[in-house]
Amino acid sequence: MTDSKGTLEAGSASFTEAPPGFRLPPGLTLGPVRLEVADLGRSLEYYQRVLGLRALERNDRRAVLTAQQDPVPLVELNERPGAAPVPRRGRLGLYHFALLLPHRADLGRFLSHLAAIGVYPGMSDHLVSEALYLTDPDGLGIEVYADRPRSSWRMNGSALAMATDPLDVEDLLTAAGGLPWTGAPAGTRVGHVHLHVGDLTQAAAFFHTGLGLDRVILAFPGALFLSAGGYHHHLGTNTWAADAPRPTEGDARLLEWTLRLPQAAELQAAARSLVERGYEVTREGNDAVSTDPWGTRVRLTGGI
């Protein structure tokens, strides 16, 4: 619902369309993303120096990264020496994964940090959020963003109002309050994942009808956004690189992303919904894992 000015009321999900069967719960969150990279040392240097993450675990071929003073895994780096970088024209699979900062002031401090180290990100004001865009040494896309309060989100008819407007850099830097960036703050989480797919109808069949994410009603040509609990999106899909190749085992890529469900019973129901619609689901311990039509795995884990 909206008020007389078109502003969304807290908790509204009037801009989403529920799936026809199983529906993922409002308490859904995203867990870590697993990436395949060509050089673990090179990637670690980037993710620590630029993004301000820290290594919670590390061996010769794998590292798990978290925010500062926070044990929650955000990114897992897996080395495949010689993995091919993402080509300029793109590749099906990862468009970007997105780290959600707790506060707008954090995003302002991060922007100031990037300027200090000579890194120049892409920037956008999406109305529901403000975002900075980076590319890691293997060409994998990263968004770092902060949400605007849900009470400020607006409707455009029946659709959620989102845009790709210029970012007010000066105002964002002012929000930093003159405090320095000291690394990704505790409470940083994976906020969403955005994928290049080959076909939006197939994407809707897998992620909406099968997995149980709501469709988000938006006017973004060539894109389908999905979420749970009335969020602007936990998953974006687009056909902007529909003619690009699928990633192979020899490519830098997103191996897997994770959905955390509050209850084990919800995990079972999501897995069953996928199977009933013809998608393969495997069990790995207490988790369920399926693979989308373009080869990217999604892991369902119960308990947050």
C-alpha atoms as a PDB file:
ATOM      1  CA  MET A   1       0.000   0.000   0.000  1.00  0.00           C
ATOM      2  CA  THR A   2       1.032   3.604  -0.493  1.00  0.00           C
ATOM      3  CA  ASP A   3       0.106   6.892   1.123  1.00  0.00           C
ATOM      4  CA  SER A   4      -1.311   9.864  -0.769  1.00  0.00           C
ATOM      5  CA  LYS A   5       2.185  10.797  -2.004  1.00  0.00           C
ATOM      6  CA  GLY A   6       2.901   7.345  -3.405  1.00  0.00           C
ATOM      7  CA  THR A   7       5.395   6.476  -0.674  1.00  0.00           C
ATOM      8  CA  LEU A   8       5.529   2.829   0.342  1.00  0.00           C
ATOM      9  CA  GLU A   9       4.320   2.011   3.810  1.00  0.00           C
ATOM     10  CA  ALA A  10       6.642  -0.049   5.973  1.00  0.00           C
ATOM     11  CA  GLY A  11       6.408  -3.750   5.211  1.00  0.00           C
ATOM     12  CA  SER A  12       4.438  -3.287   1.990  1.00  0.00           C
ATOM     13  CA  ALA A  13       4.926  -5.837  -0.760  1.00  0.00           C
ATOM     14  CA  SER A  14       2.329  -4.452  -3.160  1.00  0.00           C
ATOM     15  CA  PHE A  15       4.977  -4.363  -5.890  1.00  0.00           C
ATOM     16  CA  THR A  16       5.591  -8.122  -5.849  1.00  0.00           C
ATOM     17  CA  GLU A  17       3.811 -11.064  -7.436  1.00  0.00           C
ATOM     18  CA  ALA A  18       3.750 -14.320  -5.480  1.00  0.00           C
ATOM     19  CA  PRO A  19       4.671 -17.589  -7.230  1.00  0.00           C
ATOM     20  CA  PRO A  20       1.833 -20.001  -8.049  1.00  0.00           C
ATOM     21  CA  GLY A  21       2.967 -22.638  -5.547  1.00  0.00           C
ATOM     22  CA  PHE A  22       5.616 -22.637  -2.841  1.00  0.00           C
ATOM     23  CA  ARG A  23       6.698 -19.168  -1.705  1.00  0.00           C
ATOM     24  CA  LEU A  24       9.999 -18.477   0.013  1.00  0.00           C
ATOM     25  CA  PRO A  25       9.583 -16.939   3.489  1.00  0.00           C
ATOM     26  CA  PRO A  26      10.017 -13.268   4.409  1.00  0.00           C
ATOM     27  CA  GLY A  27      12.903 -14.170   6.720  1.00  0.00           C
ATOM     28  CA  LEU A  28      15.106 -15.297   3.812  1.00  0.00           C
ATOM     29  CA  THR A  29      18.646 -13.908   3.701  1.00  0.00           C
ATOM     30  CA  LEU A  30      21.607 -14.499   1.399  1.00  0.00           C
ATOM     31  CA  GLY A  31      24.675 -16.411   2.463  1.00  0.00           C
ATOM     32  CA  PRO A  32      28.160 -16.428   0.939  1.00  0.00           C
ATOM     33  CA  VAL A  33      29.035 -16.412  -2.740  1.00  0.00           C
ATOM     34  CA  ARG A  34      31.647 -18.897  -3.988  1.00  0.00           C
ATOM     35  CA  LEU A  35      33.923 -17.581  -6.724  1.00  0.00           C
ATOM     36  CA  GLU A  36      36.485 -19.282  -8.929  1.00  0.00           C
ATOM     37  CA  VAL A  37      39.567 -17.089  -9.502  1.00  0.00           C
ATOM     38  CA  ALA A  38      42.856 -17.487 -11.333  1.00  0.00           C
ATOM     39  CA  ASP A  39      45.246 -16.375  -8.579  1.00  0.00           C
ATOM     40  CA  LEU A  40      44.254 -16.589  -4.924  1.00  0.00           C
ATOM     41  CA  GLY A  41      46.981 -14.241  -3.707  1.00  0.00           C
ATOM     42  CA  ARG A  42      46.050 -11.574  -6.255  1.00  0.00           C
ATOM     43  CA  SER A  43      42.362 -11.808  -5.398  1.00  0.00           C
ATOM     44  CA  LEU A  44      43.004 -11.749  -1.659  1.00  0.00           C
ATOM     45  CA  GLU A  45      45.041  -8.586  -2.024  1.00  0.00           C
ATOM     46  CA  TYR A  46      42.175  -6.938  -3.924  1.00  0.00           C
ATOM     47  CA  TYR A  47      39.364  -8.054  -1.652  1.00  0.00           C
ATOM     48  CA  GLN A  48      41.264  -6.982   1.451  1.00  0.00           C
ATOM     49  CA  ARG A  49      42.817  -3.717   0.223  1.00  0.00           C
ATOM     50  CA  VAL A  50      39.922  -2.448  -1.879  1.00  0.00           C
ATOM     51  CA  LEU A  51      36.822  -3.939  -0.233  1.00  0.00           C
ATOM     52  CA  GLY A  52      38.141  -4.074   3.307  1.00  0.00           C
ATOM     53  CA  LEU A  53      37.314  -7.731   3.895  1.00  0.00           C
ATOM     54  CA  ARG A  54      39.444 -10.027   6.067  1.00  0.00           C
ATOM     55  CA  ALA A  55      40.438 -13.669   5.688  1.00  0.00           C
ATOM     56  CA  LEU A  56      38.678 -15.860   8.234  1.00  0.00           C
ATOM     57  CA  GLU A  57      40.152 -19.054   6.735  1.00  0.00           C
ATOM     58  CA  ARG A  58      42.882 -19.638   4.166  1.00  0.00           C
ATOM     59  CA  ASN A  59      44.841 -22.487   2.634  1.00  0.00           C
ATOM     60  CA  ASP A  60      46.805 -22.807  -0.601  1.00  0.00           C
ATOM     61  CA  ARG A  61      43.744 -22.812  -2.880  1.00  0.00           C
ATOM     62  CA  ARG A  62      40.836 -21.383  -0.856  1.00  0.00           C
ATOM     63  CA  ALA A  63      40.017 -18.432   1.365  1.00  0.00           C
ATOM     64  CA  VAL A  64      36.850 -17.411   3.219  1.00  0.00           C
ATOM     65  CA  LEU A  65      36.343 -13.674   3.677  1.00  0.00           C
ATOM     66  CA  THR A  66      34.234 -11.742   6.177  1.00  0.00           C
ATOM     67  CA  ALA A  67      33.698  -8.169   7.273  1.00  0.00           C
ATOM     68  CA  GLN A  68      35.898  -6.788  10.023  1.00  0.00           C
ATOM     69  CA  GLN A  69      35.110  -8.164  13.492  1.00  0.00           C
ATOM     70  CA  ASP A  70      32.287 -10.262  12.072  1.00  0.00           C
ATOM     71  CA  PRO A  71      32.419 -14.059  11.666  1.00  0.00           C
ATOM     72  CA  VAL A  72      29.714 -14.324   8.979  1.00  0.00           C
ATOM     73  CA  PRO A  73      31.229 -15.592   5.679  1.00  0.00           C
ATOM     74  CA  LEU A  74      30.587 -13.312   2.714  1.00  0.00           C
ATOM     75  CA  VAL A  75      32.897 -14.461  -0.083  1.00  0.00           C
ATOM     76  CA  GLU A  76      34.712 -17.725  -0.686  1.00  0.00           C
ATOM     77  CA  LEU A  77      37.586 -17.579  -3.169  1.00  0.00           C
ATOM     78  CA  ASN A  78      38.627 -20.806  -4.895  1.00  0.00           C
ATOM     79  CA  GLU A  79      41.758 -20.818  -7.024  1.00  0.00           C
ATOM     80  CA  ARG A  80      41.919 -22.483 -10.417  1.00  0.00           C
ATOM     81  CA  PRO A  81      45.310 -21.473 -11.842  1.00  0.00           C
ATOM     82  CA  GLY A  82      44.958 -20.069 -15.325  1.00  0.00           C
ATOM     83  CA  ALA A  83      41.208 -19.501 -15.110  1.00  0.00           C
ATOM     84  CA  ALA A  84      40.174 -17.241 -17.984  1.00  0.00           C
ATOM     85  CA  PRO A  85      38.977 -13.758 -17.005  1.00  0.00           C
ATOM     86  CA  VAL A  86      35.506 -12.552 -17.913  1.00  0.00           C
ATOM     87  CA  PRO A  87      35.670 -11.183 -21.493  1.00  0.00           C
ATOM     88  CA  ARG A  88      34.621  -7.646 -22.275  1.00  0.00           C
ATOM     89  CA  ARG A  89      31.390  -8.798 -23.906  1.00  0.00           C
ATOM     90  CA  GLY A  90      30.469 -10.704 -20.776  1.00  0.00           C
ATOM     91  CA  ARG A  91      29.604 -14.275 -19.972  1.00  0.00           C
ATOM     92  CA  LEU A  92      26.418 -15.938 -18.772  1.00  0.00           C
ATOM     93  CA  GLY A  93      26.370 -16.368 -15.011  1.00  0.00           C
ATOM     94  CA  LEU A  94      27.528 -13.610 -12.707  1.00  0.00           C
ATOM     95  CA  TYR A  95      26.752  -9.990 -13.578  1.00  0.00           C
ATOM     96  CA  HIS A  96      27.631  -8.914 -10.041  1.00  0.00           C
ATOM     97  CA  PHE A  97      27.235  -9.904  -6.425  1.00  0.00           C
ATOM     98  CA  ALA A  98      26.355  -7.132  -4.009  1.00  0.00           C
ATOM     99  CA  LEU A  99      27.637  -6.360  -0.527  1.00  0.00           C
ATOM    100  CA  LEU A 100      25.084  -4.461   1.542  1.00  0.00           C
ATOM    101  CA  LEU A 101      26.587  -2.045   4.070  1.00  0.00           C
ATOM    102  CA  PRO A 102      24.675  -1.363   7.296  1.00  0.00           C
ATOM    103  CA  HIS A 103      24.454   2.439   6.918  1.00  0.00           C
ATOM    104  CA  ARG A 104      24.661   5.160   4.274  1.00  0.00           C
ATOM    105  CA  ALA A 105      27.557   6.692   6.209  1.00  0.00           C
ATOM    106  CA  ASP A 106      29.506   3.463   5.622  1.00  0.00           C
ATOM    107  CA  LEU A 107      29.017   3.829   1.877  1.00  0.00           C
ATOM    108  CA  GLY A 108      30.266   7.411   2.066  1.00  0.00           C
ATOM    109  CA  ARG A 109      33.396   6.281   3.917  1.00  0.00           C
ATOM    110  CA  PHE A 110      33.932   3.516   1.370  1.00  0.00           C
ATOM    111  CA  LEU A 111      33.671   5.992  -1.495  1.00  0.00           C
ATOM    112  CA  SER A 112      36.232   8.244   0.201  1.00  0.00           C
ATOM    113  CA  HIS A 113      38.517   5.230   0.674  1.00  0.00           C
ATOM    114  CA  LEU A 114      38.289   4.334  -3.020  1.00  0.00           C
ATOM    115  CA  ALA A 115      39.267   7.869  -3.985  1.00  0.00           C
ATOM    116  CA  ALA A 116      42.234   7.747  -1.600  1.00  0.00           C
ATOM    117  CA  ILE A 117      43.618   4.555  -3.187  1.00  0.00           C
ATOM    118  CA  GLY A 118      42.926   5.646  -6.768  1.00  0.00           C
ATOM    119  CA  VAL A 119      40.076   3.233  -7.544  1.00  0.00           C
ATOM    120  CA  TYR A 120      37.261   4.728  -9.619  1.00  0.00           C
ATOM    121  CA  PRO A 121      33.940   2.882  -9.339  1.00  0.00           C
ATOM    122  CA  GLY A 122      30.765   3.108 -11.334  1.00  0.00           C
ATOM    123  CA  MET A 123      28.050   4.926  -9.386  1.00  0.00           C
ATOM    124  CA  SER A 124      24.250   4.896  -9.424  1.00  0.00           C
ATOM    125  CA  ASP A 125      21.306   6.158  -7.436  1.00  0.00           C
ATOM    126  CA  HIS A 126      18.613   3.466  -7.710  1.00  0.00           C
ATOM    127  CA  LEU A 127      16.076   5.411  -5.584  1.00  0.00           C
ATOM    128  CA  VAL A 128      15.701   2.454  -3.207  1.00  0.00           C
ATOM    129  CA  SER A 129      19.471   2.307  -2.745  1.00  0.00           C
ATOM    130  CA  GLU A 130      22.763   3.970  -3.624  1.00  0.00           C
ATOM    131  CA  ALA A 131      25.465   1.843  -5.215  1.00  0.00           C
ATOM    132  CA  LEU A 132      29.099   1.696  -6.255  1.00  0.00           C
ATOM    133  CA  TYR A 133      30.297  -0.787  -8.883  1.00  0.00           C
ATOM    134  CA  LEU A 134      33.692  -2.464  -9.157  1.00  0.00           C
ATOM    135  CA  THR A 135      35.345  -5.247 -11.115  1.00  0.00           C
ATOM    136  CA  ASP A 136      37.773  -7.652  -9.452  1.00  0.00           C
ATOM    137  CA  PRO A 137      41.063  -8.800 -11.059  1.00  0.00           C
ATOM    138  CA  ASP A 138      39.278 -11.621 -12.918  1.00  0.00           C
ATOM    139  CA  GLY A 139      36.569  -9.358 -14.316  1.00  0.00           C
ATOM    140  CA  LEU A 140      33.910 -10.482 -11.807  1.00  0.00           C
ATOM    141  CA  GLY A 141      31.397  -7.764 -10.999  1.00  0.00           C
ATOM    142  CA  ILE A 142      30.892  -6.402  -7.489  1.00  0.00           C
ATOM    143  CA  GLU A 143      28.355  -3.921  -6.160  1.00  0.00           C
ATOM    144  CA  VAL A 144      28.716  -2.248  -2.768  1.00  0.00           C
ATOM    145  CA  TYR A 145      25.546  -0.481  -1.698  1.00  0.00           C
ATOM    146  CA  ALA A 146      23.408   0.944   1.075  1.00  0.00           C
ATOM    147  CA  ASP A 147      19.628   0.808   1.140  1.00  0.00           C
ATOM    148  CA  ARG A 148      17.439   3.808   1.610  1.00  0.00           C
ATOM    149  CA  PRO A 149      14.771   3.413   4.334  1.00  0.00           C
ATOM    150  CA  ARG A 150      11.817   1.429   3.052  1.00  0.00           C
ATOM    151  CA  SER A 151       9.537   4.283   4.105  1.00  0.00           C
ATOM    152  CA  SER A 152      11.159   6.363   1.337  1.00  0.00           C
ATOM    153  CA  TRP A 153      10.589   3.826  -1.459  1.00  0.00           C
ATOM    154  CA  ARG A 154       7.991   5.001  -3.948  1.00  0.00           C
ATOM    155  CA  MET A 155       5.607   3.472  -6.448  1.00  0.00           C
ATOM    156  CA  ASN A 156       5.278   4.228 -10.142  1.00  0.00           C
ATOM    157  CA  GLY A 157       1.769   2.996 -10.737  1.00  0.00           C
ATOM    158  CA  SER A 158       1.802  -0.676  -9.765  1.00  0.00           C
ATOM    159  CA  ALA A 159       5.605  -0.910 -10.057  1.00  0.00           C
ATOM    160  CA  LEU A 160       8.332  -0.157  -7.557  1.00  0.00           C
ATOM    161  CA  ALA A 161      10.096   3.037  -8.612  1.00  0.00           C
ATOM    162  CA  MET A 162      13.729   2.249  -9.341  1.00  0.00           C
ATOM    163  CA  ALA A 163      16.143   4.026 -11.661  1.00  0.00           C
ATOM    164  CA  THR A 164      19.784   4.326 -12.665  1.00  0.00           C
ATOM    165  CA  ASP A 165      20.289   7.988 -11.844  1.00  0.00           C
ATOM    166  CA  PRO A 166      23.528   9.879 -11.166  1.00  0.00           C
ATOM    167  CA  LEU A 167      24.777   9.526  -7.611  1.00  0.00           C
ATOM    168  CA  ASP A 168      24.988  12.656  -5.446  1.00  0.00           C
ATOM    169  CA  VAL A 169      28.645  12.160  -4.590  1.00  0.00           C
ATOM    170  CA  GLU A 170      29.070  15.249  -2.431  1.00  0.00           C
ATOM    171  CA  ASP A 171      26.047  14.440  -0.291  1.00  0.00           C
ATOM    172  CA  LEU A 172      27.195  10.847   0.128  1.00  0.00           C
ATOM    173  CA  LEU A 173      30.676  11.956   1.196  1.00  0.00           C
ATOM    174  CA  THR A 174      29.104  14.391   3.671  1.00  0.00           C
ATOM    175  CA  ALA A 175      27.144  11.494   5.161  1.00  0.00           C
ATOM    176  CA  ALA A 176      30.460   9.876   6.081  1.00  0.00           C
ATOM    177  CA  GLY A 177      30.781  12.420   8.872  1.00  0.00           C
ATOM    178  CA  GLY A 178      34.492  12.910   8.329  1.00  0.00           C
ATOM    179  CA  LEU A 179      35.279   9.457   9.724  1.00  0.00           C
ATOM    180  CA  PRO A 180      37.743   7.165   7.920  1.00  0.00           C
ATOM    181  CA  TRP A 181      36.997   3.819   6.315  1.00  0.00           C
ATOM    182  CA  THR A 182      38.361   1.057   8.556  1.00  0.00           C
ATOM    183  CA  GLY A 183      37.284  -1.884   6.439  1.00  0.00           C
ATOM    184  CA  ALA A 184      33.916  -3.471   5.787  1.00  0.00           C
ATOM    185  CA  PRO A 185      31.959  -2.890   9.010  1.00  0.00           C
ATOM    186  CA  ALA A 186      30.377  -5.587  11.129  1.00  0.00           C
ATOM    187  CA  GLY A 187      26.904  -6.261   9.796  1.00  0.00           C
ATOM    188  CA  THR A 188      27.943  -6.159   6.140  1.00  0.00           C
ATOM    189  CA  ARG A 189      26.032  -8.884   4.297  1.00  0.00           C
ATOM    190  CA  VAL A 190      25.479 -10.226   0.791  1.00  0.00           C
ATOM    191  CA  GLY A 191      22.402  -8.233  -0.166  1.00  0.00           C
ATOM    192  CA  HIS A 192      21.686  -9.620  -3.614  1.00  0.00           C
ATOM    193  CA  VAL A 193      23.092 -11.455  -6.608  1.00  0.00           C
ATOM    194  CA  HIS A 194      22.552 -10.409 -10.232  1.00  0.00           C
ATOM    195  CA  LEU A 195      22.958 -12.910 -13.063  1.00  0.00           C
ATOM    196  CA  HIS A 196      23.269 -12.806 -16.838  1.00  0.00           C
ATOM    197  CA  VAL A 197      20.804 -15.394 -18.174  1.00  0.00           C
ATOM    198  CA  GLY A 198      19.863 -16.581 -21.625  1.00  0.00           C
ATOM    199  CA  ASP A 199      16.086 -16.208 -21.356  1.00  0.00           C
ATOM    200  CA  LEU A 200      13.807 -14.473 -18.846  1.00  0.00           C
ATOM    201  CA  THR A 201      10.979 -16.988 -19.279  1.00  0.00           C
ATOM    202  CA  GLN A 202      13.315 -19.801 -18.312  1.00  0.00           C
ATOM    203  CA  ALA A 203      14.650 -17.685 -15.447  1.00  0.00           C
ATOM    204  CA  ALA A 204      11.112 -17.124 -14.154  1.00  0.00           C
ATOM    205  CA  ALA A 205      10.334 -20.836 -14.429  1.00  0.00           C
ATOM    206  CA  PHE A 206      13.342 -21.757 -12.292  1.00  0.00           C
ATOM    207  CA  PHE A 207      13.568 -18.923  -9.772  1.00  0.00           C
ATOM    208  CA  HIS A 208       9.918 -17.846  -9.460  1.00  0.00           C
ATOM    209  CA  THR A 209       7.772 -20.912 -10.123  1.00  0.00           C
ATOM    210  CA  GLY A 210      10.336 -23.490  -9.008  1.00  0.00           C
ATOM    211  CA  LEU A 211      12.393 -21.908  -6.248  1.00  0.00           C
ATOM    212  CA  GLY A 212       9.590 -19.705  -4.936  1.00  0.00           C
ATOM    213  CA  LEU A 213      10.891 -16.130  -5.155  1.00  0.00           C
ATOM    214  CA  ASP A 214       8.364 -13.335  -5.744  1.00  0.00           C
ATOM    215  CA  ARG A 215       8.511 -11.373  -8.975  1.00  0.00           C
ATOM    216  CA  VAL A 216       9.258  -7.706  -8.372  1.00  0.00           C
ATOM    217  CA  ILE A 217       7.152  -5.461 -10.584  1.00  0.00           C
ATOM    218  CA  LEU A 218       9.623  -3.116 -12.269  1.00  0.00           C
ATOM    219  CA  ALA A 219      10.075  -1.402 -15.610  1.00  0.00           C
ATOM    220  CA  PHE A 220      13.637  -2.520 -16.399  1.00  0.00           C
ATOM    221  CA  PRO A 221      13.878  -3.677 -20.045  1.00  0.00           C
ATOM    222  CA  GLY A 222      15.476  -7.092 -20.402  1.00  0.00           C
ATOM    223  CA  ALA A 223      15.524  -7.773 -16.672  1.00  0.00           C
ATOM    224  CA  LEU A 224      13.557  -9.761 -14.107  1.00  0.00           C
ATOM    225  CA  PHE A 225      14.048  -8.967 -10.431  1.00  0.00           C
ATOM    226  CA  LEU A 226      12.943 -11.324  -7.658  1.00  0.00           C
ATOM    227  CA  SER A 227      12.792 -11.201  -3.877  1.00  0.00           C
ATOM    228  CA  ALA A 228      11.192 -12.446  -0.677  1.00  0.00           C
ATOM    229  CA  GLY A 229       9.495 -10.444   2.048  1.00  0.00           C
ATOM    230  CA  GLY A 230       8.923  -7.318  -0.034  1.00  0.00           C
ATOM    231  CA  TYR A 231      12.605  -6.499  -0.584  1.00  0.00           C
ATOM    232  CA  HIS A 232      13.534  -4.622  -3.764  1.00  0.00           C
ATOM    233  CA  HIS A 233      15.518  -7.646  -4.956  1.00  0.00           C
ATOM    234  CA  HIS A 234      17.488 -10.564  -3.630  1.00  0.00           C
ATOM    235  CA  LEU A 235      18.109 -11.714  -7.202  1.00  0.00           C
ATOM    236  CA  GLY A 236      18.371  -9.857 -10.475  1.00  0.00           C
ATOM    237  CA  THR A 237      18.422 -11.613 -13.842  1.00  0.00           C
ATOM    238  CA  ASN A 238      18.947  -9.996 -17.227  1.00  0.00           C
ATOM    239  CA  THR A 239      19.390 -10.881 -20.895  1.00  0.00           C
ATOM    240  CA  TRP A 240      21.857  -8.080 -21.609  1.00  0.00           C
ATOM    241  CA  ALA A 241      24.476 -10.705 -22.505  1.00  0.00           C
ATOM    242  CA  ALA A 242      22.092 -13.376 -23.801  1.00  0.00           C
ATOM    243  CA  ASP A 243      24.354 -14.280 -26.730  1.00  0.00           C
ATOM    244  CA  ALA A 244      27.447 -14.663 -24.552  1.00  0.00           C
ATOM    245  CA  PRO A 245      28.825 -18.135 -23.758  1.00  0.00           C
ATOM    246  CA  ARG A 246      28.161 -20.068 -20.587  1.00  0.00           C
ATOM    247  CA  PRO A 247      31.103 -20.296 -18.191  1.00  0.00           C
ATOM    248  CA  THR A 248      33.186 -23.471 -18.200  1.00  0.00           C
ATOM    249  CA  GLU A 249      35.430 -25.119 -15.633  1.00  0.00           C
ATOM    250  CA  GLY A 250      38.346 -23.154 -17.040  1.00  0.00           C
ATOM    251  CA  ASP A 251      36.735 -19.750 -16.453  1.00  0.00           C
ATOM    252  CA  ALA A 252      36.699 -17.313 -13.558  1.00  0.00           C
ATOM    253  CA  ARG A 253      33.065 -17.367 -12.462  1.00  0.00           C
ATOM    254  CA  LEU A 254      30.436 -17.535  -9.768  1.00  0.00           C
ATOM    255  CA  LEU A 255      30.346 -21.165  -8.710  1.00  0.00           C
ATOM    256  CA  GLU A 256      27.491 -20.893  -6.243  1.00  0.00           C
ATOM    257  CA  TRP A 257      25.350 -18.511  -4.228  1.00  0.00           C
ATOM    258  CA  THR A 258      23.405 -19.248  -1.079  1.00  0.00           C
ATOM    259  CA  LEU A 259      19.883 -18.725   0.245  1.00  0.00           C
ATOM    260  CA  ARG A 260      19.449 -19.081   4.006  1.00  0.00           C
ATOM    261  CA  LEU A 261      15.974 -20.092   5.144  1.00  0.00           C
ATOM    262  CA  PRO A 262      14.755 -19.688   8.727  1.00  0.00           C
ATOM    263  CA  GLN A 263      13.472 -23.250   9.088  1.00  0.00           C
ATOM    264  CA  ALA A 264      14.597 -26.642   7.796  1.00  0.00           C
ATOM    265  CA  ALA A 265      10.998 -27.368   6.779  1.00  0.00           C
ATOM    266  CA  GLU A 266      11.100 -24.387   4.404  1.00  0.00           C
ATOM    267  CA  LEU A 267      14.280 -25.753   2.850  1.00  0.00           C
ATOM    268  CA  GLN A 268      12.545 -29.084   2.280  1.00  0.00           C
ATOM    269  CA  ALA A 269       9.536 -27.369   0.721  1.00  0.00           C
ATOM    270  CA  ALA A 270      11.710 -25.289  -1.641  1.00  0.00           C
ATOM    271  CA  ALA A 271      13.637 -28.389  -2.730  1.00  0.00           C
ATOM    272  CA  ARG A 272      10.401 -30.283  -3.301  1.00  0.00           C
ATOM    273  CA  SER A 273       8.981 -27.417  -5.367  1.00  0.00           C
ATOM    274  CA  LEU A 274      12.024 -27.498  -7.668  1.00  0.00           C
ATOM    275  CA  VAL A 275      11.844 -31.282  -8.070  1.00  0.00           C
ATOM    276  CA  GLU A 276       8.108 -31.171  -8.830  1.00  0.00           C
ATOM    277  CA  ARG A 277       8.856 -28.801 -11.702  1.00  0.00           C
ATOM    278  CA  GLY A 278      11.514 -31.020 -13.204  1.00  0.00           C
ATOM    279  CA  TYR A 279      14.723 -29.555 -11.748  1.00  0.00           C
ATOM    280  CA  GLU A 280      17.384 -31.742 -10.183  1.00  0.00           C
ATOM    281  CA  VAL A 281      18.159 -31.212  -6.509  1.00  0.00           C
ATOM    282  CA  THR A 282      21.014 -32.912  -4.669  1.00  0.00           C
ATOM    283  CA  ARG A 283      21.617 -33.128  -0.937  1.00  0.00           C
ATOM    284  CA  GLU A 284      24.932 -32.042   0.557  1.00  0.00           C
ATOM    285  CA  GLY A 285      24.735 -32.640   4.287  1.00  0.00           C
ATOM    286  CA  ASN A 286      21.720 -30.700   5.529  1.00  0.00           C
ATOM    287  CA  ASP A 287      21.713 -28.435   2.458  1.00  0.00           C
ATOM    288  CA  ALA A 288      19.902 -28.750  -0.868  1.00  0.00           C
ATOM    289  CA  VAL A 289      21.661 -27.686  -4.073  1.00  0.00           C
ATOM    290  CA  SER A 290      20.238 -27.097  -7.539  1.00  0.00           C
ATOM    291  CA  THR A 291      21.711 -25.665 -10.740  1.00  0.00           C
ATOM    292  CA  ASP A 292      19.996 -23.004 -12.824  1.00  0.00           C
ATOM    293  CA  PRO A 293      19.612 -23.465 -16.604  1.00  0.00           C
ATOM    294  CA  TRP A 294      22.930 -21.636 -17.222  1.00  0.00           C
ATOM    295  CA  GLY A 295      25.088 -23.682 -14.887  1.00  0.00           C
ATOM    296  CA  THR A 296      25.216 -21.634 -11.671  1.00  0.00           C
ATOM    297  CA  ARG A 297      24.505 -23.509  -8.455  1.00  0.00           C
ATOM    298  CA  VAL A 298      22.174 -22.182  -5.775  1.00  0.00           C
ATOM    299  CA  ARG A 299      22.525 -23.647  -2.282  1.00  0.00           C
ATOM    300  CA  LEU A 300      19.601 -23.748   0.145  1.00  0.00           C
ATOM    301  CA  THR A 301      20.528 -23.963   3.794  1.00  0.00           C
ATOM    302  CA  GLY A 302      18.135 -24.118   6.750  1.00  0.00           C
ATOM    303  CA  GLY A 303      18.546 -21.931   9.794  1.00  0.00           C
ATOM    304  CA  ILE A 304      19.914 -18.390   9.892  1.00  0.00           C
END
